[in-house]
Amino acid sequence: MANVVVLGGTGYTGGHIVAKAVRAGHHVTSFSRTGPSEPVDGVTYRTGSLGDAAIREQAVAGADVVIGALAPRGELEDSLAGVYREVAGLAAAGGVRFGVVGGFSALRPVEGAPRFYESGELPPEFAAEARAMGAVLDWLLSDAPQALDWFYVSPAGNYGSYVPGEDLGRYRIGGEVALFDAEGQSAISGPDFAAAIVAEIDTPTHRRAQFSVAY
């Protein structure tokens, strides 16, 4: 049993993570700007801006694992990378594991190819967010404190509240190359993506590394 903190625990991904983590027996705390519309029994909800240093310190203090499930939108549109760097520093100093939920665009189409966000071929409406989350991964790979135990997890291409899917109780784990099924589809539901993240909390397998989740 671990003390798990989810940054953005009332969002689509964060909400699924807190639900799965509680069911797995963990003590779970969510930090977000607003409270949940449908609270999950057993989750402690705290509100505040992660742009506030005091809130970041509260989030990391006493945690065993902190999961960043924030999006570079609103007040975090231009500052999410900096917020995650600050959280990472606190986590490294406190011996706290730090996981970041990234996007599909941080994956590569094939081994050795540029990541999707580096290709210049993303739809304009997604490009800014993809680059922002890519910058977080770049920093973790190149400049994260050596003491930081981190992981960065990317979902399949078809993922999000617009394609919620079902809780099938299965998934595949890949590396930095995108996973596709036999029909050429890349998809994962919210519950199954969250289950893979909770499995990583339960049994750390990817240390200072990126991994991906898809059917």
C-alpha atoms as a PDB file:
ATOM      1  CA  MET A   1       0.000   0.000   0.000  1.00  0.00           C
ATOM      2  CA  ALA A   2       1.394   3.378  -1.036  1.00  0.00           C
ATOM      3  CA  ASN A   3       0.533   7.018  -0.536  1.00  0.00           C
ATOM      4  CA  VAL A   4      -0.321   8.023  -4.097  1.00  0.00           C
ATOM      5  CA  VAL A   5      -0.827  11.649  -5.108  1.00  0.00           C
ATOM      6  CA  VAL A   6      -2.410  12.462  -8.467  1.00  0.00           C
ATOM      7  CA  LEU A   7      -1.922  15.952  -9.848  1.00  0.00           C
ATOM      8  CA  GLY A   8      -5.002  16.633 -11.924  1.00  0.00           C
ATOM      9  CA  GLY A   9      -6.972  13.872 -10.235  1.00  0.00           C
ATOM     10  CA  THR A  10     -10.340  15.276 -11.298  1.00  0.00           C
ATOM     11  CA  GLY A  11      -9.593  15.212 -15.030  1.00  0.00           C
ATOM     12  CA  TYR A  12     -10.303  12.374 -17.439  1.00  0.00           C
ATOM     13  CA  THR A  13      -7.044  10.474 -16.965  1.00  0.00           C
ATOM     14  CA  GLY A  14      -6.519  11.500 -13.360  1.00  0.00           C
ATOM     15  CA  GLY A  15     -10.036  10.483 -12.425  1.00  0.00           C
ATOM     16  CA  HIS A  16      -9.511   6.983 -13.756  1.00  0.00           C
ATOM     17  CA  ILE A  17      -6.143   6.723 -11.995  1.00  0.00           C
ATOM     18  CA  VAL A  18      -7.509   7.697  -8.574  1.00  0.00           C
ATOM     19  CA  ALA A  19     -10.384   5.224  -8.969  1.00  0.00           C
ATOM     20  CA  LYS A  20      -8.093   2.331  -9.921  1.00  0.00           C
ATOM     21  CA  ALA A  21      -5.521   3.205  -7.250  1.00  0.00           C
ATOM     22  CA  VAL A  22      -8.115   3.260  -4.463  1.00  0.00           C
ATOM     23  CA  ARG A  23      -9.491  -0.086  -5.599  1.00  0.00           C
ATOM     24  CA  ALA A  24      -5.945  -1.456  -5.484  1.00  0.00           C
ATOM     25  CA  GLY A  25      -5.746  -0.508  -1.805  1.00  0.00           C
ATOM     26  CA  HIS A  26      -3.631   2.639  -1.974  1.00  0.00           C
ATOM     27  CA  HIS A  27      -4.110   5.838   0.003  1.00  0.00           C
ATOM     28  CA  VAL A  28      -4.942   8.351  -2.731  1.00  0.00           C
ATOM     29  CA  THR A  29      -4.948  12.152  -2.728  1.00  0.00           C
ATOM     30  CA  SER A  30      -5.965  14.306  -5.672  1.00  0.00           C
ATOM     31  CA  PHE A  31      -4.717  17.858  -6.204  1.00  0.00           C
ATOM     32  CA  SER A  32      -6.546  19.956  -8.778  1.00  0.00           C
ATOM     33  CA  ARG A  33      -7.920  23.448  -9.300  1.00  0.00           C
ATOM     34  CA  THR A  34     -11.507  22.327  -8.796  1.00  0.00           C
ATOM     35  CA  GLY A  35     -13.248  19.558  -6.933  1.00  0.00           C
ATOM     36  CA  PRO A  36     -14.688  16.489  -8.665  1.00  0.00           C
ATOM     37  CA  SER A  37     -18.187  16.379 -10.116  1.00  0.00           C
ATOM     38  CA  GLU A  38     -18.428  12.742  -9.000  1.00  0.00           C
ATOM     39  CA  PRO A  39     -16.085  12.059  -6.039  1.00  0.00           C
ATOM     40  CA  VAL A  40     -14.612   8.598  -5.717  1.00  0.00           C
ATOM     41  CA  ASP A  41     -15.109   7.057  -2.285  1.00  0.00           C
ATOM     42  CA  GLY A  42     -11.839   6.820  -0.408  1.00  0.00           C
ATOM     43  CA  VAL A  43     -10.026   9.575  -2.317  1.00  0.00           C
ATOM     44  CA  THR A  44      -8.937  12.741  -0.500  1.00  0.00           C
ATOM     45  CA  TYR A  45      -9.541  15.777  -2.707  1.00  0.00           C
ATOM     46  CA  ARG A  46      -7.567  18.975  -2.278  1.00  0.00           C
ATOM     47  CA  THR A  47      -7.933  22.066  -4.412  1.00  0.00           C
ATOM     48  CA  GLY A  48      -5.401  24.686  -5.381  1.00  0.00           C
ATOM     49  CA  SER A  49      -3.197  25.832  -8.215  1.00  0.00           C
ATOM     50  CA  LEU A  50      -0.114  23.722  -8.938  1.00  0.00           C
ATOM     51  CA  GLY A  51       1.452  26.981 -10.040  1.00  0.00           C
ATOM     52  CA  ASP A  52       1.640  27.808  -6.324  1.00  0.00           C
ATOM     53  CA  ALA A  53       4.878  26.612  -4.699  1.00  0.00           C
ATOM     54  CA  ALA A  54       3.120  25.917  -1.401  1.00  0.00           C
ATOM     55  CA  ILE A  55       0.594  23.629  -3.117  1.00  0.00           C
ATOM     56  CA  ARG A  56       3.399  21.743  -4.873  1.00  0.00           C
ATOM     57  CA  GLU A  57       5.172  21.216  -1.567  1.00  0.00           C
ATOM     58  CA  GLN A  58       1.959  19.943   0.037  1.00  0.00           C
ATOM     59  CA  ALA A  59       1.402  17.559  -2.853  1.00  0.00           C
ATOM     60  CA  VAL A  60       4.815  15.918  -2.583  1.00  0.00           C
ATOM     61  CA  ALA A  61       5.152  15.895   1.215  1.00  0.00           C
ATOM     62  CA  GLY A  62       4.397  12.437   2.576  1.00  0.00           C
ATOM     63  CA  ALA A  63       3.833  10.865  -0.834  1.00  0.00           C
ATOM     64  CA  ASP A  64       5.417   7.651  -2.032  1.00  0.00           C
ATOM     65  CA  VAL A  65       4.424   8.254  -5.647  1.00  0.00           C
ATOM     66  CA  VAL A  66       3.278  11.425  -7.397  1.00  0.00           C
ATOM     67  CA  ILE A  67       1.540  11.069 -10.769  1.00  0.00           C
ATOM     68  CA  GLY A  68       1.332  14.145 -12.982  1.00  0.00           C
ATOM     69  CA  ALA A  69      -1.876  13.970 -15.027  1.00  0.00           C
ATOM     70  CA  LEU A  70      -2.066  17.665 -15.870  1.00  0.00           C
ATOM     71  CA  ALA A  71      -2.597  19.178 -19.306  1.00  0.00           C
ATOM     72  CA  PRO A  72      -0.849  22.293 -20.705  1.00  0.00           C
ATOM     73  CA  ARG A  73      -4.073  24.289 -20.802  1.00  0.00           C
ATOM     74  CA  GLY A  74      -5.487  27.314 -19.036  1.00  0.00           C
ATOM     75  CA  GLU A  75      -3.081  28.725 -16.475  1.00  0.00           C
ATOM     76  CA  LEU A  76      -0.647  25.867 -17.224  1.00  0.00           C
ATOM     77  CA  GLU A  77      -0.592  26.455 -20.978  1.00  0.00           C
ATOM     78  CA  ASP A  78       2.892  27.970 -20.925  1.00  0.00           C
ATOM     79  CA  SER A  79       4.104  26.823 -17.524  1.00  0.00           C
ATOM     80  CA  LEU A  80       3.449  23.088 -17.183  1.00  0.00           C
ATOM     81  CA  ALA A  81       7.032  22.081 -17.964  1.00  0.00           C
ATOM     82  CA  GLY A  82       8.268  24.434 -15.255  1.00  0.00           C
ATOM     83  CA  VAL A  83       5.722  23.127 -12.753  1.00  0.00           C
ATOM     84  CA  TYR A  84       6.809  19.561 -13.426  1.00  0.00           C
ATOM     85  CA  ARG A  85      10.472  20.521 -13.040  1.00  0.00           C
ATOM     86  CA  GLU A  86       9.683  21.965  -9.613  1.00  0.00           C
ATOM     87  CA  VAL A  87       7.696  18.884  -8.607  1.00  0.00           C
ATOM     88  CA  ALA A  88      10.530  16.674  -9.851  1.00  0.00           C
ATOM     89  CA  GLY A  89      13.018  18.546  -7.696  1.00  0.00           C
ATOM     90  CA  LEU A  90      10.860  18.088  -4.610  1.00  0.00           C
ATOM     91  CA  ALA A  91      10.338  14.428  -5.451  1.00  0.00           C
ATOM     92  CA  ALA A  92      14.059  13.808  -5.919  1.00  0.00           C
ATOM     93  CA  ALA A  93      14.862  15.474  -2.601  1.00  0.00           C
ATOM     94  CA  GLY A  94      12.211  13.454  -0.784  1.00  0.00           C
ATOM     95  CA  GLY A  95      12.820  10.071  -2.391  1.00  0.00           C
ATOM     96  CA  VAL A  96       9.386  10.174  -4.030  1.00  0.00           C
ATOM     97  CA  ARG A  97       8.705   8.407  -7.325  1.00  0.00           C
ATOM     98  CA  PHE A  98       7.409  10.719 -10.055  1.00  0.00           C
ATOM     99  CA  GLY A  99       5.305   9.566 -12.996  1.00  0.00           C
ATOM    100  CA  VAL A 100       4.178  11.810 -15.845  1.00  0.00           C
ATOM    101  CA  VAL A 101       1.230  11.076 -18.118  1.00  0.00           C
ATOM    102  CA  GLY A 102       2.233  12.290 -21.569  1.00  0.00           C
ATOM    103  CA  GLY A 103       0.625  11.956 -24.954  1.00  0.00           C
ATOM    104  CA  PHE A 104       0.724   9.672 -27.955  1.00  0.00           C
ATOM    105  CA  SER A 105       2.698  12.355 -29.812  1.00  0.00           C
ATOM    106  CA  ALA A 106       5.720  11.681 -27.606  1.00  0.00           C
ATOM    107  CA  LEU A 107       6.069   8.229 -29.186  1.00  0.00           C
ATOM    108  CA  ARG A 108       7.930   7.258 -32.346  1.00  0.00           C
ATOM    109  CA  PRO A 109       6.269   5.616 -35.374  1.00  0.00           C
ATOM    110  CA  VAL A 110       9.226   3.228 -35.707  1.00  0.00           C
ATOM    111  CA  GLU A 111      12.531   2.713 -33.943  1.00  0.00           C
ATOM    112  CA  GLY A 112      14.938   5.570 -34.597  1.00  0.00           C
ATOM    113  CA  ALA A 113      12.367   7.869 -36.234  1.00  0.00           C
ATOM    114  CA  PRO A 114      11.568  11.320 -34.841  1.00  0.00           C
ATOM    115  CA  ARG A 115       8.820  11.413 -32.262  1.00  0.00           C
ATOM    116  CA  PHE A 116       5.436  12.385 -33.685  1.00  0.00           C
ATOM    117  CA  TYR A 117       5.589  15.844 -32.096  1.00  0.00           C
ATOM    118  CA  GLU A 118       8.941  16.438 -33.788  1.00  0.00           C
ATOM    119  CA  SER A 119       7.654  15.580 -37.247  1.00  0.00           C
ATOM    120  CA  GLY A 120       5.946  18.891 -37.995  1.00  0.00           C
ATOM    121  CA  GLU A 121       2.931  16.961 -39.282  1.00  0.00           C
ATOM    122  CA  LEU A 122       0.581  17.247 -36.299  1.00  0.00           C
ATOM    123  CA  PRO A 123      -2.787  18.988 -36.717  1.00  0.00           C
ATOM    124  CA  PRO A 124      -2.423  22.619 -35.597  1.00  0.00           C
ATOM    125  CA  GLU A 125      -5.044  22.205 -32.869  1.00  0.00           C
ATOM    126  CA  PHE A 126      -2.902  19.563 -31.149  1.00  0.00           C
ATOM    127  CA  ALA A 127       0.610  20.771 -31.943  1.00  0.00           C
ATOM    128  CA  ALA A 128       1.126  23.186 -29.040  1.00  0.00           C
ATOM    129  CA  GLU A 129       0.078  20.693 -26.369  1.00  0.00           C
ATOM    130  CA  ALA A 130       2.133  17.956 -28.000  1.00  0.00           C
ATOM    131  CA  ARG A 131       5.254  20.115 -27.995  1.00  0.00           C
ATOM    132  CA  ALA A 132       4.665  21.099 -24.372  1.00  0.00           C
ATOM    133  CA  MET A 133       4.448  17.489 -23.230  1.00  0.00           C
ATOM    134  CA  GLY A 134       7.384  16.605 -25.458  1.00  0.00           C
ATOM    135  CA  ALA A 135       9.443  19.242 -23.671  1.00  0.00           C
ATOM    136  CA  VAL A 136       8.687  17.517 -20.367  1.00  0.00           C
ATOM    137  CA  LEU A 137       9.958  14.207 -21.730  1.00  0.00           C
ATOM    138  CA  ASP A 138      13.055  15.833 -23.208  1.00  0.00           C
ATOM    139  CA  TRP A 139      13.868  17.365 -19.837  1.00  0.00           C
ATOM    140  CA  LEU A 140      13.382  14.085 -17.981  1.00  0.00           C
ATOM    141  CA  LEU A 141      15.658  12.256 -20.416  1.00  0.00           C
ATOM    142  CA  SER A 142      18.416  14.844 -20.438  1.00  0.00           C
ATOM    143  CA  ASP A 143      18.327  16.983 -17.295  1.00  0.00           C
ATOM    144  CA  ALA A 144      16.280  15.341 -14.548  1.00  0.00           C
ATOM    145  CA  PRO A 145      18.097  15.037 -11.203  1.00  0.00           C
ATOM    146  CA  GLN A 146      20.042  11.793 -10.975  1.00  0.00           C
ATOM    147  CA  ALA A 147      18.266  10.993  -7.715  1.00  0.00           C
ATOM    148  CA  LEU A 148      14.835  11.169  -9.351  1.00  0.00           C
ATOM    149  CA  ASP A 149      13.011   7.883  -9.926  1.00  0.00           C
ATOM    150  CA  TRP A 150      10.706   8.832 -12.813  1.00  0.00           C
ATOM    151  CA  PHE A 151       8.616   7.326 -15.570  1.00  0.00           C
ATOM    152  CA  TYR A 152       6.742   8.871 -18.491  1.00  0.00           C
ATOM    153  CA  VAL A 153       3.760   6.980 -19.875  1.00  0.00           C
ATOM    154  CA  SER A 154       2.023   7.552 -23.208  1.00  0.00           C
ATOM    155  CA  PRO A 155      -1.431   6.252 -24.170  1.00  0.00           C
ATOM    156  CA  ALA A 156      -2.462   4.896 -27.546  1.00  0.00           C
ATOM    157  CA  GLY A 157      -3.475   7.201 -30.379  1.00  0.00           C
ATOM    158  CA  ASN A 158      -7.216   6.755 -29.848  1.00  0.00           C
ATOM    159  CA  TYR A 159      -7.520   7.788 -26.224  1.00  0.00           C
ATOM    160  CA  GLY A 160      -9.473  10.367 -24.291  1.00  0.00           C
ATOM    161  CA  SER A 161     -12.924  11.399 -23.112  1.00  0.00           C
ATOM    162  CA  TYR A 162     -14.104  11.488 -26.731  1.00  0.00           C
ATOM    163  CA  VAL A 163     -13.393   7.729 -27.099  1.00  0.00           C
ATOM    164  CA  PRO A 164     -13.869   6.437 -23.527  1.00  0.00           C
ATOM    165  CA  GLY A 165     -14.002   2.751 -24.437  1.00  0.00           C
ATOM    166  CA  GLU A 166     -14.684  -0.013 -21.947  1.00  0.00           C
ATOM    167  CA  ASP A 167     -12.885  -1.534 -18.995  1.00  0.00           C
ATOM    168  CA  LEU A 168     -11.665  -4.699 -20.718  1.00  0.00           C
ATOM    169  CA  GLY A 169      -9.155  -5.614 -18.034  1.00  0.00           C
ATOM    170  CA  ARG A 170      -6.296  -6.008 -20.494  1.00  0.00           C
ATOM    171  CA  TYR A 171      -3.611  -3.978 -22.240  1.00  0.00           C
ATOM    172  CA  ARG A 172      -0.156  -4.275 -23.783  1.00  0.00           C
ATOM    173  CA  ILE A 173       2.937  -2.429 -22.614  1.00  0.00           C
ATOM    174  CA  GLY A 174       5.425  -1.032 -25.124  1.00  0.00           C
ATOM    175  CA  GLY A 175       8.381   1.297 -25.122  1.00  0.00           C
ATOM    176  CA  GLU A 176       8.871   4.565 -26.999  1.00  0.00           C
ATOM    177  CA  VAL A 177       7.535   3.133 -30.285  1.00  0.00           C
ATOM    178  CA  ALA A 178       3.758   3.345 -30.756  1.00  0.00           C
ATOM    179  CA  LEU A 179       1.794   0.111 -30.452  1.00  0.00           C
ATOM    180  CA  PHE A 180      -0.781  -0.882 -33.090  1.00  0.00           C
ATOM    181  CA  ASP A 181      -3.035  -3.929 -33.282  1.00  0.00           C
ATOM    182  CA  ALA A 182      -3.399  -6.351 -36.194  1.00  0.00           C
ATOM    183  CA  GLU A 183      -5.853  -3.980 -37.888  1.00  0.00           C
ATOM    184  CA  GLY A 184      -3.472  -1.065 -37.606  1.00  0.00           C
ATOM    185  CA  GLN A 185      -5.407   0.586 -34.788  1.00  0.00           C
ATOM    186  CA  SER A 186      -3.887   2.197 -31.712  1.00  0.00           C
ATOM    187  CA  ALA A 187      -6.398   2.489 -28.880  1.00  0.00           C
ATOM    188  CA  ILE A 188      -6.827   2.163 -25.122  1.00  0.00           C
ATOM    189  CA  SER A 189      -9.709   2.960 -22.788  1.00  0.00           C
ATOM    190  CA  GLY A 190      -9.444   5.257 -19.784  1.00  0.00           C
ATOM    191  CA  PRO A 191      -9.890   2.467 -17.231  1.00  0.00           C
ATOM    192  CA  ASP A 192      -7.346   0.148 -18.868  1.00  0.00           C
ATOM    193  CA  PHE A 193      -4.779   2.928 -19.273  1.00  0.00           C
ATOM    194  CA  ALA A 194      -5.188   3.744 -15.586  1.00  0.00           C
ATOM    195  CA  ALA A 195      -4.843   0.068 -14.686  1.00  0.00           C
ATOM    196  CA  ALA A 196      -1.448  -0.040 -16.417  1.00  0.00           C
ATOM    197  CA  ILE A 197      -0.284   2.991 -14.453  1.00  0.00           C
ATOM    198  CA  VAL A 198      -1.422   1.497 -11.150  1.00  0.00           C
ATOM    199  CA  ALA A 199       0.391  -1.732 -12.081  1.00  0.00           C
ATOM    200  CA  GLU A 200       3.556   0.343 -12.518  1.00  0.00           C
ATOM    201  CA  ILE A 201       2.974   1.833  -9.062  1.00  0.00           C
ATOM    202  CA  ASP A 202       2.492  -1.626  -7.564  1.00  0.00           C
ATOM    203  CA  THR A 203       5.479  -3.191  -9.330  1.00  0.00           C
ATOM    204  CA  PRO A 204       7.982  -0.598 -10.610  1.00  0.00           C
ATOM    205  CA  THR A 205       9.331  -1.804 -13.933  1.00  0.00           C
ATOM    206  CA  HIS A 206      10.182   1.352 -15.873  1.00  0.00           C
ATOM    207  CA  ARG A 207      12.708   3.429 -13.972  1.00  0.00           C
ATOM    208  CA  ARG A 208      13.861   6.667 -15.588  1.00  0.00           C
ATOM    209  CA  ALA A 209      12.174   5.507 -18.784  1.00  0.00           C
ATOM    210  CA  GLN A 210       9.217   6.025 -21.085  1.00  0.00           C
ATOM    211  CA  PHE A 211       6.633   3.352 -21.767  1.00  0.00           C
ATOM    212  CA  SER A 212       3.379   3.152 -23.689  1.00  0.00           C
ATOM    213  CA  VAL A 213       0.028   1.428 -23.252  1.00  0.00           C
ATOM    214  CA  ALA A 214      -2.352   0.133 -25.919  1.00  0.00           C
ATOM    215  CA  TYR A 215      -4.469  -2.899 -26.799  1.00  0.00           C
END
